[in-house]
Amino acid sequence: MHCEEDTFLGPSCVFTNVINPRSAIVRKDEYKATHVRKGASIGANATIVCGNEIGEYALIGAGAVITKPVAAFALMVGNPARQLGWVSKAGHRLQFKDTGEAVCPETDEKYVLSDGQVRCLS
């Protein structure tokens, strides 16, 4: 597992390291890397299945189970986790207009949604 700067790992969150663990079989050569990108937050008791990337500033809800890669700025909840929306760098839910633009209510940073990806313009 590799965490970039400014990440938050909530209490009792779990990172797995092997997709198919068995106590009697040594699978240390099957460890899969997990990357938590800059600014991402992972809630309490969340489980991150190995081999996935958590995108920049993504927000993983408490108790969520991540089984696939997470896009930057994505808000993920549930088991298995599903994307509920998008968040700003400050962690606020973004409301995109028909133009594909949104503004963080705390920082006034501007965001754009294009081709299923969010970018911060500030």
PDB file of N, CA and C in Angstrom:
ATOM      1  N   MET A   1       0.839  -1.167   0.000  1.00  0.00           N
ATOM      2  CA  MET A   1       0.000   0.000   0.000  1.00  0.00           C
ATOM      3  C   MET A   1       0.890   1.239   0.000  1.00  0.00           C
ATOM      4  N   HIS A   2       0.475   2.228  -0.774  1.00  0.00           N
ATOM      5  CA  HIS A   2       1.217   3.483  -0.847  1.00  0.00           C
ATOM      6  C   HIS A   2       0.225   4.635  -0.704  1.00  0.00           C
ATOM      7  N   CYS A   3       0.464   5.513   0.257  1.00  0.00           N
ATOM      8  CA  CYS A   3      -0.385   6.692   0.467  1.00  0.00           C
ATOM      9  C   CYS A   3       0.412   7.943   0.142  1.00  0.00           C
ATOM     10  N   GLU A   4      -0.162   8.776  -0.725  1.00  0.00           N
ATOM     11  CA  GLU A   4       0.475  10.048  -1.044  1.00  0.00           C
ATOM     12  C   GLU A   4       0.167  11.057   0.064  1.00  0.00           C
ATOM     13  N   GLU A   5       0.679  12.266  -0.085  1.00  0.00           N
ATOM     14  CA  GLU A   5       0.522  13.278   0.957  1.00  0.00           C
ATOM     15  C   GLU A   5      -0.944  13.692   1.145  1.00  0.00           C
ATOM     16  N   ASP A   6      -1.217  14.161   2.351  1.00  0.00           N
ATOM     17  CA  ASP A   6      -2.517  14.704   2.735  1.00  0.00           C
ATOM     18  C   ASP A   6      -3.662  13.703   2.637  1.00  0.00           C
ATOM     19  N   THR A   7      -3.375  12.416   2.822  1.00  0.00           N
ATOM     20  CA  THR A   7      -4.453  11.425   2.844  1.00  0.00           C
ATOM     21  C   THR A   7      -4.951  11.255   4.278  1.00  0.00           C
ATOM     22  N   PHE A   8      -6.211  10.829   4.399  1.00  0.00           N
ATOM     23  CA  PHE A   8      -6.798  10.553   5.706  1.00  0.00           C
ATOM     24  C   PHE A   8      -7.250   9.105   5.719  1.00  0.00           C
ATOM     25  N   LEU A   9      -6.791   8.343   6.707  1.00  0.00           N
ATOM     26  CA  LEU A   9      -7.192   6.957   6.883  1.00  0.00           C
ATOM     27  C   LEU A   9      -7.946   6.873   8.202  1.00  0.00           C
ATOM     28  N   GLY A  10      -9.261   6.651   8.118  1.00  0.00           N
ATOM     29  CA  GLY A  10     -10.100   6.628   9.304  1.00  0.00           C
ATOM     30  C   GLY A  10      -9.814   5.434  10.202  1.00  0.00           C
ATOM     31  N   PRO A  11     -10.325   5.490  11.448  1.00  0.00           N
ATOM     32  CA  PRO A  11     -10.100   4.409  12.403  1.00  0.00           C
ATOM     33  C   PRO A  11     -10.594   3.068  11.864  1.00  0.00           C
ATOM     34  N   SER A  12      -9.799   2.060  12.055  1.00  0.00           N
ATOM     35  CA  SER A  12     -10.128   0.672  11.710  1.00  0.00           C
ATOM     36  C   SER A  12     -10.383   0.428  10.232  1.00  0.00           C
ATOM     37  N   CYS A  13      -9.881   1.299   9.342  1.00  0.00           N
ATOM     38  CA  CYS A  13      -9.998   0.977   7.920  1.00  0.00           C
ATOM     39  C   CYS A  13      -9.007  -0.153   7.630  1.00  0.00           C
ATOM     40  N   VAL A  14      -9.320  -0.963   6.614  1.00  0.00           N
ATOM     41  CA  VAL A  14      -8.552  -2.167   6.334  1.00  0.00           C
ATOM     42  C   VAL A  14      -8.107  -2.174   4.880  1.00  0.00           C
ATOM     43  N   PHE A  15      -6.855  -2.556   4.658  1.00  0.00           N
ATOM     44  CA  PHE A  15      -6.319  -2.758   3.316  1.00  0.00           C
ATOM     45  C   PHE A  15      -5.960  -4.230   3.184  1.00  0.00           C
ATOM     46  N   THR A  16      -6.545  -4.908   2.213  1.00  0.00           N
ATOM     47  CA  THR A  16      -6.169  -6.309   1.993  1.00  0.00           C
ATOM     48  C   THR A  16      -4.898  -6.333   1.154  1.00  0.00           C
ATOM     49  N   ASN A  17      -4.264  -7.515   1.060  1.00  0.00           N
ATOM     50  CA  ASN A  17      -3.039  -7.582   0.264  1.00  0.00           C
ATOM     51  C   ASN A  17      -3.029  -8.725  -0.752  1.00  0.00           C
ATOM     52  N   VAL A  18      -3.963  -9.691  -0.631  1.00  0.00           N
ATOM     53  CA  VAL A  18      -4.046 -10.807  -1.561  1.00  0.00           C
ATOM     54  C   VAL A  18      -5.512 -10.997  -1.929  1.00  0.00           C
ATOM     55  N   ILE A  19      -5.795 -11.238  -3.206  1.00  0.00           N
ATOM     56  CA  ILE A  19      -7.178 -11.405  -3.665  1.00  0.00           C
ATOM     57  C   ILE A  19      -7.811 -12.690  -3.126  1.00  0.00           C
ATOM     58  N   ASN A  20      -7.042 -13.762  -3.050  1.00  0.00           N
ATOM     59  CA  ASN A  20      -7.580 -15.060  -2.668  1.00  0.00           C
ATOM     60  C   ASN A  20      -6.764 -15.661  -1.518  1.00  0.00           C
ATOM     61  N   PRO A  21      -6.887 -15.104  -0.301  1.00  0.00           N
ATOM     62  CA  PRO A  21      -6.046 -15.572   0.798  1.00  0.00           C
ATOM     63  C   PRO A  21      -6.463 -16.949   1.321  1.00  0.00           C
ATOM     64  N   ARG A  22      -5.479 -17.760   1.664  1.00  0.00           N
ATOM     65  CA  ARG A  22      -5.691 -19.062   2.292  1.00  0.00           C
ATOM     66  C   ARG A  22      -4.606 -19.230   3.343  1.00  0.00           C
ATOM     67  N   SER A  23      -4.967 -19.674   4.512  1.00  0.00           N
ATOM     68  CA  SER A  23      -3.992 -19.767   5.595  1.00  0.00           C
ATOM     69  C   SER A  23      -2.908 -20.812   5.332  1.00  0.00           C
ATOM     70  N   ALA A  24      -3.241 -21.886   4.634  1.00  0.00           N
ATOM     71  CA  ALA A  24      -2.283 -22.969   4.422  1.00  0.00           C
ATOM     72  C   ALA A  24      -1.462 -22.816   3.141  1.00  0.00           C
ATOM     73  N   ILE A  25      -1.759 -21.771   2.373  1.00  0.00           N
ATOM     74  CA  ILE A  25      -1.049 -21.576   1.109  1.00  0.00           C
ATOM     75  C   ILE A  25      -0.304 -20.249   1.163  1.00  0.00           C
ATOM     76  N   VAL A  26       0.981 -20.287   0.932  1.00  0.00           N
ATOM     77  CA  VAL A  26       1.784 -19.062   0.944  1.00  0.00           C
ATOM     78  C   VAL A  26       1.597 -18.351  -0.395  1.00  0.00           C
ATOM     79  N   ARG A  27       1.100 -17.140  -0.337  1.00  0.00           N
ATOM     80  CA  ARG A  27       0.853 -16.363  -1.562  1.00  0.00           C
ATOM     81  C   ARG A  27       1.527 -14.997  -1.501  1.00  0.00           C
ATOM     82  N   LYS A  28       2.653 -14.924  -0.841  1.00  0.00           N
ATOM     83  CA  LYS A  28       3.346 -13.642  -0.725  1.00  0.00           C
ATOM     84  C   LYS A  28       3.779 -13.091  -2.073  1.00  0.00           C
ATOM     85  N   ASP A  29       3.933 -13.965  -3.071  1.00  0.00           N
ATOM     86  CA  ASP A  29       4.304 -13.503  -4.407  1.00  0.00           C
ATOM     87  C   ASP A  29       3.089 -12.966  -5.172  1.00  0.00           C
ATOM     88  N   GLU A  30       1.894 -13.020  -4.572  1.00  0.00           N
ATOM     89  CA  GLU A  30       0.678 -12.535  -5.208  1.00  0.00           C
ATOM     90  C   GLU A  30       0.159 -11.232  -4.595  1.00  0.00           C
ATOM     91  N   TYR A  31       0.947 -10.613  -3.727  1.00  0.00           N
ATOM     92  CA  TYR A  31       0.516  -9.341  -3.137  1.00  0.00           C
ATOM     93  C   TYR A  31       0.244  -8.331  -4.244  1.00  0.00           C
ATOM     94  N   LYS A  32      -0.829  -7.564  -4.080  1.00  0.00           N
ATOM     95  CA  LYS A  32      -1.179  -6.538  -5.068  1.00  0.00           C
ATOM     96  C   LYS A  32      -1.113  -5.170  -4.406  1.00  0.00           C
ATOM     97  N   ALA A  33      -0.520  -4.233  -5.115  1.00  0.00           N
ATOM     98  CA  ALA A  33      -0.351  -2.883  -4.582  1.00  0.00           C
ATOM     99  C   ALA A  33      -1.652  -2.103  -4.623  1.00  0.00           C
ATOM    100  N   THR A  34      -1.840  -1.269  -3.623  1.00  0.00           N
ATOM    101  CA  THR A  34      -2.965  -0.344  -3.557  1.00  0.00           C
ATOM    102  C   THR A  34      -2.383   1.055  -3.430  1.00  0.00           C
ATOM    103  N   HIS A  35      -2.928   2.002  -4.196  1.00  0.00           N
ATOM    104  CA  HIS A  35      -2.440   3.385  -4.163  1.00  0.00           C
ATOM    105  C   HIS A  35      -3.560   4.314  -3.723  1.00  0.00           C
ATOM    106  N   VAL A  36      -3.260   5.131  -2.722  1.00  0.00           N
ATOM    107  CA  VAL A  36      -4.192   6.154  -2.255  1.00  0.00           C
ATOM    108  C   VAL A  36      -3.573   7.484  -2.661  1.00  0.00           C
ATOM    109  N   ARG A  37      -4.214   8.153  -3.599  1.00  0.00           N
ATOM    110  CA  ARG A  37      -3.663   9.384  -4.172  1.00  0.00           C
ATOM    111  C   ARG A  37      -3.867  10.589  -3.255  1.00  0.00           C
ATOM    112  N   LYS A  38      -3.159  11.646  -3.569  1.00  0.00           N
ATOM    113  CA  LYS A  38      -3.124  12.876  -2.781  1.00  0.00           C
ATOM    114  C   LYS A  38      -4.521  13.354  -2.389  1.00  0.00           C
ATOM    115  N   GLY A  39      -4.668  13.662  -1.106  1.00  0.00           N
ATOM    116  CA  GLY A  39      -5.891  14.286  -0.610  1.00  0.00           C
ATOM    117  C   GLY A  39      -7.079  13.371  -0.409  1.00  0.00           C
ATOM    118  N   ALA A  40      -6.954  12.087  -0.728  1.00  0.00           N
ATOM    119  CA  ALA A  40      -8.085  11.171  -0.568  1.00  0.00           C
ATOM    120  C   ALA A  40      -8.365  10.916   0.911  1.00  0.00           C
ATOM    121  N   SER A  41      -9.646  10.652   1.226  1.00  0.00           N
ATOM    122  CA  SER A  41     -10.057  10.333   2.594  1.00  0.00           C
ATOM    123  C   SER A  41     -10.796   9.006   2.605  1.00  0.00           C
ATOM    124  N   ILE A  42     -10.436   8.171   3.569  1.00  0.00           N
ATOM    125  CA  ILE A  42     -11.075   6.870   3.722  1.00  0.00           C
ATOM    126  C   ILE A  42     -11.708   6.822   5.104  1.00  0.00           C
ATOM    127  N   GLY A  43     -13.015   6.584   5.147  1.00  0.00           N
ATOM    128  CA  GLY A  43     -13.772   6.607   6.396  1.00  0.00           C
ATOM    129  C   GLY A  43     -13.498   5.400   7.290  1.00  0.00           C
ATOM    130  N   ALA A  44     -13.966   5.524   8.528  1.00  0.00           N
ATOM    131  CA  ALA A  44     -13.808   4.471   9.528  1.00  0.00           C
ATOM    132  C   ALA A  44     -14.414   3.158   9.046  1.00  0.00           C
ATOM    133  N   ASN A  45     -13.716   2.068   9.322  1.00  0.00           N
ATOM    134  CA  ASN A  45     -14.178   0.713   9.021  1.00  0.00           C
ATOM    135  C   ASN A  45     -14.346   0.412   7.540  1.00  0.00           C
ATOM    136  N   ALA A  46     -13.836   1.246   6.662  1.00  0.00           N
ATOM    137  CA  ALA A  46     -13.878   0.959   5.229  1.00  0.00           C
ATOM    138  C   ALA A  46     -12.866  -0.143   4.925  1.00  0.00           C
ATOM    139  N   THR A  47     -13.149  -0.934   3.896  1.00  0.00           N
ATOM    140  CA  THR A  47     -12.243  -1.988   3.453  1.00  0.00           C
ATOM    141  C   THR A  47     -11.853  -1.707   2.017  1.00  0.00           C
ATOM    142  N   ILE A  48     -10.557  -1.704   1.756  1.00  0.00           N
ATOM    143  CA  ILE A  48     -10.037  -1.465   0.416  1.00  0.00           C
ATOM    144  C   ILE A  48      -9.425  -2.774  -0.077  1.00  0.00           C
ATOM    145  N   VAL A  49     -10.057  -3.393  -1.079  1.00  0.00           N
ATOM    146  CA  VAL A  49      -9.543  -4.638  -1.640  1.00  0.00           C
ATOM    147  C   VAL A  49      -8.299  -4.304  -2.456  1.00  0.00           C
ATOM    148  N   CYS A  50      -7.267  -5.108  -2.302  1.00  0.00           N
ATOM    149  CA  CYS A  50      -5.965  -4.828  -2.910  1.00  0.00           C
ATOM    150  C   CYS A  50      -6.032  -4.721  -4.434  1.00  0.00           C
ATOM    151  N   GLY A  51      -5.054  -3.995  -4.955  1.00  0.00           N
ATOM    152  CA  GLY A  51      -4.930  -3.846  -6.400  1.00  0.00           C
ATOM    153  C   GLY A  51      -5.712  -2.681  -6.972  1.00  0.00           C
ATOM    154  N   ASN A  52      -6.350  -1.899  -6.126  1.00  0.00           N
ATOM    155  CA  ASN A  52      -7.149  -0.766  -6.602  1.00  0.00           C
ATOM    156  C   ASN A  52      -6.472   0.558  -6.287  1.00  0.00           C
ATOM    157  N   GLU A  53      -6.811   1.557  -7.056  1.00  0.00           N
ATOM    158  CA  GLU A  53      -6.306   2.907  -6.837  1.00  0.00           C
ATOM    159  C   GLU A  53      -7.456   3.782  -6.364  1.00  0.00           C
ATOM    160  N   ILE A  54      -7.185   4.581  -5.331  1.00  0.00           N
ATOM    161  CA  ILE A  54      -8.132   5.580  -4.850  1.00  0.00           C
ATOM    162  C   ILE A  54      -7.650   6.910  -5.405  1.00  0.00           C
ATOM    163  N   GLY A  55      -8.454   7.542  -6.254  1.00  0.00           N
ATOM    164  CA  GLY A  55      -8.051   8.771  -6.936  1.00  0.00           C
ATOM    165  C   GLY A  55      -7.898   9.969  -6.017  1.00  0.00           C
ATOM    166  N   GLU A  56      -7.237  10.983  -6.531  1.00  0.00           N
ATOM    167  CA  GLU A  56      -7.013  12.220  -5.772  1.00  0.00           C
ATOM    168  C   GLU A  56      -8.324  12.782  -5.231  1.00  0.00           C
ATOM    169  N   TYR A  57      -8.299  13.160  -3.957  1.00  0.00           N
ATOM    170  CA  TYR A  57      -9.406  13.821  -3.268  1.00  0.00           C
ATOM    171  C   TYR A  57     -10.695  13.015  -3.235  1.00  0.00           C
ATOM    172  N   ALA A  58     -10.636  11.719  -3.560  1.00  0.00           N
ATOM    173  CA  ALA A  58     -11.825  10.879  -3.444  1.00  0.00           C
ATOM    174  C   ALA A  58     -12.215  10.773  -1.969  1.00  0.00           C
ATOM    175  N   LEU A  59     -13.487  10.517  -1.727  1.00  0.00           N
ATOM    176  CA  LEU A  59     -13.997  10.372  -0.369  1.00  0.00           C
ATOM    177  C   LEU A  59     -14.697   9.020  -0.270  1.00  0.00           C
ATOM    178  N   ILE A  60     -14.142   8.140   0.560  1.00  0.00           N
ATOM    179  CA  ILE A  60     -14.690   6.811   0.773  1.00  0.00           C
ATOM    180  C   ILE A  60     -15.456   6.845   2.084  1.00  0.00           C
ATOM    181  N   GLY A  61     -16.759   6.567   2.022  1.00  0.00           N
ATOM    182  CA  GLY A  61     -17.603   6.626   3.213  1.00  0.00           C
ATOM    183  C   GLY A  61     -17.266   5.552   4.234  1.00  0.00           C
ATOM    184  N   ALA A  62     -17.649   5.803   5.483  1.00  0.00           N
ATOM    185  CA  ALA A  62     -17.433   4.838   6.554  1.00  0.00           C
ATOM    186  C   ALA A  62     -18.099   3.515   6.212  1.00  0.00           C
ATOM    187  N   GLY A  63     -17.373   2.427   6.395  1.00  0.00           N
ATOM    188  CA  GLY A  63     -17.909   1.096   6.166  1.00  0.00           C
ATOM    189  C   GLY A  63     -17.977   0.656   4.718  1.00  0.00           C
ATOM    190  N   ALA A  64     -17.575   1.498   3.786  1.00  0.00           N
ATOM    191  CA  ALA A  64     -17.626   1.139   2.369  1.00  0.00           C
ATOM    192  C   ALA A  64     -16.615   0.037   2.068  1.00  0.00           C
ATOM    193  N   VAL A  65     -16.923  -0.767   1.053  1.00  0.00           N
ATOM    194  CA  VAL A  65     -16.008  -1.818   0.607  1.00  0.00           C
ATOM    195  C   VAL A  65     -15.646  -1.526  -0.843  1.00  0.00           C
ATOM    196  N   ILE A  66     -14.387  -1.145  -1.064  1.00  0.00           N
ATOM    197  CA  ILE A  66     -13.916  -0.769  -2.394  1.00  0.00           C
ATOM    198  C   ILE A  66     -13.400  -2.017  -3.107  1.00  0.00           C
ATOM    199  N   THR A  67     -14.043  -2.346  -4.236  1.00  0.00           N
ATOM    200  CA  THR A  67     -13.679  -3.544  -4.994  1.00  0.00           C
ATOM    201  C   THR A  67     -13.169  -3.221  -6.390  1.00  0.00           C
ATOM    202  N   LYS A  68     -13.128  -1.919  -6.730  1.00  0.00           N
ATOM    203  CA  LYS A  68     -12.652  -1.497  -8.048  1.00  0.00           C
ATOM    204  C   LYS A  68     -12.013  -0.118  -7.923  1.00  0.00           C
ATOM    205  N   PRO A  69     -11.266   0.314  -8.940  1.00  0.00           N
ATOM    206  CA  PRO A  69     -10.610   1.627  -8.873  1.00  0.00           C
ATOM    207  C   PRO A  69     -11.623   2.753  -8.676  1.00  0.00           C
ATOM    208  N   VAL A  70     -11.186   3.799  -7.978  1.00  0.00           N
ATOM    209  CA  VAL A  70     -12.032   4.943  -7.650  1.00  0.00           C
ATOM    210  C   VAL A  70     -11.486   6.179  -8.358  1.00  0.00           C
ATOM    211  N   ALA A  71     -12.358   6.883  -9.064  1.00  0.00           N
ATOM    212  CA  ALA A  71     -11.955   8.090  -9.796  1.00  0.00           C
ATOM    213  C   ALA A  71     -11.615   9.230  -8.842  1.00  0.00           C
ATOM    214  N   ALA A  72     -10.813  10.166  -9.313  1.00  0.00           N
ATOM    215  CA  ALA A  72     -10.506  11.381  -8.550  1.00  0.00           C
ATOM    216  C   ALA A  72     -11.807  12.122  -8.246  1.00  0.00           C
ATOM    217  N   PHE A  73     -11.918  12.631  -7.022  1.00  0.00           N
ATOM    218  CA  PHE A  73     -13.056  13.417  -6.537  1.00  0.00           C
ATOM    219  C   PHE A  73     -14.347  12.612  -6.373  1.00  0.00           C
ATOM    220  N   ALA A  74     -14.308  11.284  -6.528  1.00  0.00           N
ATOM    221  CA  ALA A  74     -15.516  10.465  -6.412  1.00  0.00           C
ATOM    222  C   ALA A  74     -15.930  10.292  -4.955  1.00  0.00           C
ATOM    223  N   LEU A  75     -17.237  10.255  -4.716  1.00  0.00           N
ATOM    224  CA  LEU A  75     -17.816   9.963  -3.417  1.00  0.00           C
ATOM    225  C   LEU A  75     -18.356   8.536  -3.481  1.00  0.00           C
ATOM    226  N   MET A  76     -17.771   7.644  -2.664  1.00  0.00           N
ATOM    227  CA  MET A  76     -18.105   6.221  -2.711  1.00  0.00           C
ATOM    228  C   MET A  76     -18.708   5.769  -1.387  1.00  0.00           C
ATOM    229  N   VAL A  77     -19.818   5.001  -1.460  1.00  0.00           N
ATOM    230  CA  VAL A  77     -20.483   4.492  -0.260  1.00  0.00           C
ATOM    231  C   VAL A  77     -20.991   3.079  -0.506  1.00  0.00           C
ATOM    232  N   GLY A  78     -21.191   2.330   0.565  1.00  0.00           N
ATOM    233  CA  GLY A  78     -21.863   1.043   0.490  1.00  0.00           C
ATOM    234  C   GLY A  78     -20.961  -0.163   0.361  1.00  0.00           C
ATOM    235  N   ASN A  79     -21.618  -1.344   0.293  1.00  0.00           N
ATOM    236  CA  ASN A  79     -20.937  -2.623   0.181  1.00  0.00           C
ATOM    237  C   ASN A  79     -21.675  -3.501  -0.820  1.00  0.00           C
ATOM    238  N   PRO A  80     -21.079  -3.712  -2.004  1.00  0.00           N
ATOM    239  CA  PRO A  80     -19.848  -3.085  -2.489  1.00  0.00           C
ATOM    240  C   PRO A  80     -20.087  -1.600  -2.758  1.00  0.00           C
ATOM    241  N   ALA A  81     -19.030  -0.834  -2.704  1.00  0.00           N
ATOM    242  CA  ALA A  81     -19.161   0.619  -2.855  1.00  0.00           C
ATOM    243  C   ALA A  81     -19.648   0.990  -4.249  1.00  0.00           C
ATOM    244  N   ARG A  82     -20.484   2.007  -4.279  1.00  0.00           N
ATOM    245  CA  ARG A  82     -20.952   2.580  -5.537  1.00  0.00           C
ATOM    246  C   ARG A  82     -20.743   4.091  -5.449  1.00  0.00           C
ATOM    247  N   GLN A  83     -20.621   4.712  -6.603  1.00  0.00           N
ATOM    248  CA  GLN A  83     -20.383   6.146  -6.610  1.00  0.00           C
ATOM    249  C   GLN A  83     -21.700   6.876  -6.423  1.00  0.00           C
ATOM    250  N   LEU A  84     -21.733   7.742  -5.398  1.00  0.00           N
ATOM    251  CA  LEU A  84     -22.920   8.515  -5.071  1.00  0.00           C
ATOM    252  C   LEU A  84     -22.866   9.909  -5.688  1.00  0.00           C
ATOM    253  N   GLY A  85     -21.676  10.371  -6.040  1.00  0.00           N
ATOM    254  CA  GLY A  85     -21.512  11.703  -6.609  1.00  0.00           C
ATOM    255  C   GLY A  85     -20.056  12.105  -6.621  1.00  0.00           C
ATOM    256  N   TRP A  86     -19.847  13.416  -6.524  1.00  0.00           N
ATOM    257  CA  TRP A  86     -18.499  13.990  -6.587  1.00  0.00           C
ATOM    258  C   TRP A  86     -18.308  14.942  -5.410  1.00  0.00           C
ATOM    259  N   VAL A  87     -17.050  15.097  -4.964  1.00  0.00           N
ATOM    260  CA  VAL A  87     -16.725  16.017  -3.880  1.00  0.00           C
ATOM    261  C   VAL A  87     -15.593  16.947  -4.294  1.00  0.00           C
ATOM    262  N   SER A  88     -15.527  18.082  -3.618  1.00  0.00           N
ATOM    263  CA  SER A  88     -14.453  19.048  -3.847  1.00  0.00           C
ATOM    264  C   SER A  88     -13.221  18.654  -3.031  1.00  0.00           C
ATOM    265  N   LYS A  89     -12.138  19.382  -3.210  1.00  0.00           N
ATOM    266  CA  LYS A  89     -10.935  19.153  -2.411  1.00  0.00           C
ATOM    267  C   LYS A  89     -11.237  19.310  -0.927  1.00  0.00           C
ATOM    268  N   ALA A  90     -12.188  20.182  -0.588  1.00  0.00           N
ATOM    269  CA  ALA A  90     -12.556  20.427   0.802  1.00  0.00           C
ATOM    270  C   ALA A  90     -13.559  19.395   1.324  1.00  0.00           C
ATOM    271  N   GLY A  91     -13.979  18.459   0.472  1.00  0.00           N
ATOM    272  CA  GLY A  91     -14.869  17.395   0.900  1.00  0.00           C
ATOM    273  C   GLY A  91     -16.353  17.701   0.796  1.00  0.00           C
ATOM    274  N   HIS A  92     -16.705  18.786   0.119  1.00  0.00           N
ATOM    275  CA  HIS A  92     -18.120  19.147  -0.054  1.00  0.00           C
ATOM    276  C   HIS A  92     -18.693  18.490  -1.302  1.00  0.00           C
ATOM    277  N   ARG A  93     -19.930  18.072  -1.213  1.00  0.00           N
ATOM    278  CA  ARG A  93     -20.614  17.475  -2.367  1.00  0.00           C
ATOM    279  C   ARG A  93     -20.754  18.528  -3.462  1.00  0.00           C
ATOM    280  N   LEU A  94     -20.394  18.157  -4.681  1.00  0.00           N
ATOM    281  CA  LEU A  94     -20.474  19.084  -5.813  1.00  0.00           C
ATOM    282  C   LEU A  94     -21.786  18.891  -6.561  1.00  0.00           C
ATOM    283  N   GLN A  95     -22.406  19.992  -6.910  1.00  0.00           N
ATOM    284  CA  GLN A  95     -23.653  19.992  -7.690  1.00  0.00           C
ATOM    285  C   GLN A  95     -23.328  20.565  -9.064  1.00  0.00           C
ATOM    286  N   PHE A  96     -23.268  19.692 -10.062  1.00  0.00           N
ATOM    287  CA  PHE A  96     -22.906  20.134 -11.403  1.00  0.00           C
ATOM    288  C   PHE A  96     -24.119  20.674 -12.150  1.00  0.00           C
ATOM    289  N   LYS A  97     -23.906  21.783 -12.832  1.00  0.00           N
ATOM    290  CA  LYS A  97     -24.952  22.393 -13.660  1.00  0.00           C
ATOM    291  C   LYS A  97     -24.951  21.718 -15.033  1.00  0.00           C
ATOM    292  N   ASP A  98     -25.914  22.067 -15.857  1.00  0.00           N
ATOM    293  CA  ASP A  98     -25.988  21.519 -17.218  1.00  0.00           C
ATOM    294  C   ASP A  98     -24.734  21.816 -18.027  1.00  0.00           C
ATOM    295  N   THR A  99     -24.009  22.844 -17.644  1.00  0.00           N
ATOM    296  CA  THR A  99     -22.778  23.212 -18.339  1.00  0.00           C
ATOM    297  C   THR A  99     -21.613  22.287 -17.979  1.00  0.00           C
ATOM    298  N   GLY A 100     -21.821  21.426 -16.962  1.00  0.00           N
ATOM    299  CA  GLY A 100     -20.755  20.540 -16.514  1.00  0.00           C
ATOM    300  C   GLY A 100     -19.809  21.203 -15.538  1.00  0.00           C
ATOM    301  N   GLU A 101     -20.240  22.325 -14.949  1.00  0.00           N
ATOM    302  CA  GLU A 101     -19.394  23.051 -14.008  1.00  0.00           C
ATOM    303  C   GLU A 101     -20.022  23.069 -12.619  1.00  0.00           C
ATOM    304  N   ALA A 102     -19.164  23.142 -11.602  1.00  0.00           N
ATOM    305  CA  ALA A 102     -19.606  23.217 -10.212  1.00  0.00           C
ATOM    306  C   ALA A 102     -18.629  24.093  -9.443  1.00  0.00           C
ATOM    307  N   VAL A 103     -19.088  24.598  -8.292  1.00  0.00           N
ATOM    308  CA  VAL A 103     -18.256  25.446  -7.438  1.00  0.00           C
ATOM    309  C   VAL A 103     -18.329  24.898  -6.013  1.00  0.00           C
ATOM    310  N   CYS A 104     -17.181  24.798  -5.354  1.00  0.00           N
ATOM    311  CA  CYS A 104     -17.136  24.372  -3.959  1.00  0.00           C
ATOM    312  C   CYS A 104     -17.735  25.470  -3.089  1.00  0.00           C
ATOM    313  N   PRO A 105     -18.710  25.148  -2.230  1.00  0.00           N
ATOM    314  CA  PRO A 105     -19.332  26.173  -1.400  1.00  0.00           C
ATOM    315  C   PRO A 105     -18.412  26.771  -0.336  1.00  0.00           C
ATOM    316  N   GLU A 106     -17.323  26.088  -0.013  1.00  0.00           N
ATOM    317  CA  GLU A 106     -16.406  26.598   1.006  1.00  0.00           C
ATOM    318  C   GLU A 106     -15.277  27.428   0.421  1.00  0.00           C
ATOM    319  N   THR A 107     -14.699  26.966  -0.691  1.00  0.00           N
ATOM    320  CA  THR A 107     -13.491  27.591  -1.221  1.00  0.00           C
ATOM    321  C   THR A 107     -13.704  28.384  -2.504  1.00  0.00           C
ATOM    322  N   ASP A 108     -14.874  28.241  -3.109  1.00  0.00           N
ATOM    323  CA  ASP A 108     -15.190  28.863  -4.405  1.00  0.00           C
ATOM    324  C   ASP A 108     -14.330  28.324  -5.553  1.00  0.00           C
ATOM    325  N   GLU A 109     -13.623  27.212  -5.329  1.00  0.00           N
ATOM    326  CA  GLU A 109     -12.881  26.589  -6.420  1.00  0.00           C
ATOM    327  C   GLU A 109     -13.867  26.066  -7.456  1.00  0.00           C
ATOM    328  N   LYS A 110     -13.462  26.157  -8.723  1.00  0.00           N
ATOM    329  CA  LYS A 110     -14.325  25.714  -9.814  1.00  0.00           C
ATOM    330  C   LYS A 110     -13.898  24.334 -10.287  1.00  0.00           C
ATOM    331  N   TYR A 111     -14.898  23.513 -10.617  1.00  0.00           N
ATOM    332  CA  TYR A 111     -14.686  22.144 -11.081  1.00  0.00           C
ATOM    333  C   TYR A 111     -15.444  21.935 -12.374  1.00  0.00           C
ATOM    334  N   VAL A 112     -14.910  21.049 -13.203  1.00  0.00           N
ATOM    335  CA  VAL A 112     -15.571  20.719 -14.463  1.00  0.00           C
ATOM    336  C   VAL A 112     -15.669  19.200 -14.570  1.00  0.00           C
ATOM    337  N   LEU A 113     -16.843  18.734 -15.047  1.00  0.00           N
ATOM    338  CA  LEU A 113     -17.086  17.321 -15.280  1.00  0.00           C
ATOM    339  C   LEU A 113     -17.122  17.095 -16.774  1.00  0.00           C
ATOM    340  N   SER A 114     -16.189  16.261 -17.249  1.00  0.00           N
ATOM    341  CA  SER A 114     -16.090  15.992 -18.677  1.00  0.00           C
ATOM    342  C   SER A 114     -15.663  14.546 -18.894  1.00  0.00           C
ATOM    343  N   ASP A 115     -16.386  13.835 -19.723  1.00  0.00           N
ATOM    344  CA  ASP A 115     -16.074  12.430 -20.024  1.00  0.00           C
ATOM    345  C   ASP A 115     -15.966  11.576 -18.766  1.00  0.00           C
ATOM    346  N   GLY A 116     -16.828  11.832 -17.783  1.00  0.00           N
ATOM    347  CA  GLY A 116     -16.855  11.040 -16.568  1.00  0.00           C
ATOM    348  C   GLY A 116     -15.727  11.311 -15.603  1.00  0.00           C
ATOM    349  N   GLN A 117     -14.984  12.387 -15.809  1.00  0.00           N
ATOM    350  CA  GLN A 117     -13.871  12.760 -14.941  1.00  0.00           C
ATOM    351  C   GLN A 117     -14.065  14.183 -14.444  1.00  0.00           C
ATOM    352  N   VAL A 118     -13.659  14.422 -13.210  1.00  0.00           N
ATOM    353  CA  VAL A 118     -13.731  15.761 -12.628  1.00  0.00           C
ATOM    354  C   VAL A 118     -12.337  16.350 -12.531  1.00  0.00           C
ATOM    355  N   ARG A 119     -12.242  17.628 -12.890  1.00  0.00           N
ATOM    356  CA  ARG A 119     -10.983  18.371 -12.763  1.00  0.00           C
ATOM    357  C   ARG A 119     -11.254  19.653 -12.007  1.00  0.00           C
ATOM    358  N   CYS A 120     -10.303  20.048 -11.179  1.00  0.00           N
ATOM    359  CA  CYS A 120     -10.378  21.324 -10.485  1.00  0.00           C
ATOM    360  C   CYS A 120      -9.694  22.356 -11.362  1.00  0.00           C
ATOM    361  N   LEU A 121     -10.380  23.472 -11.618  1.00  0.00           N
ATOM    362  CA  LEU A 121      -9.823  24.514 -12.475  1.00  0.00           C
ATOM    363  C   LEU A 121      -9.034  25.558 -11.704  1.00  0.00           C
ATOM    364  N   SER A 122      -9.112  25.527 -10.397  1.00  0.00           N
ATOM    365  CA  SER A 122      -8.423  26.547  -9.587  1.00  0.00           C
ATOM    366  C   SER A 122      -7.019  26.125  -9.240  1.00  0.00           C
TER     367      SER A 122
END
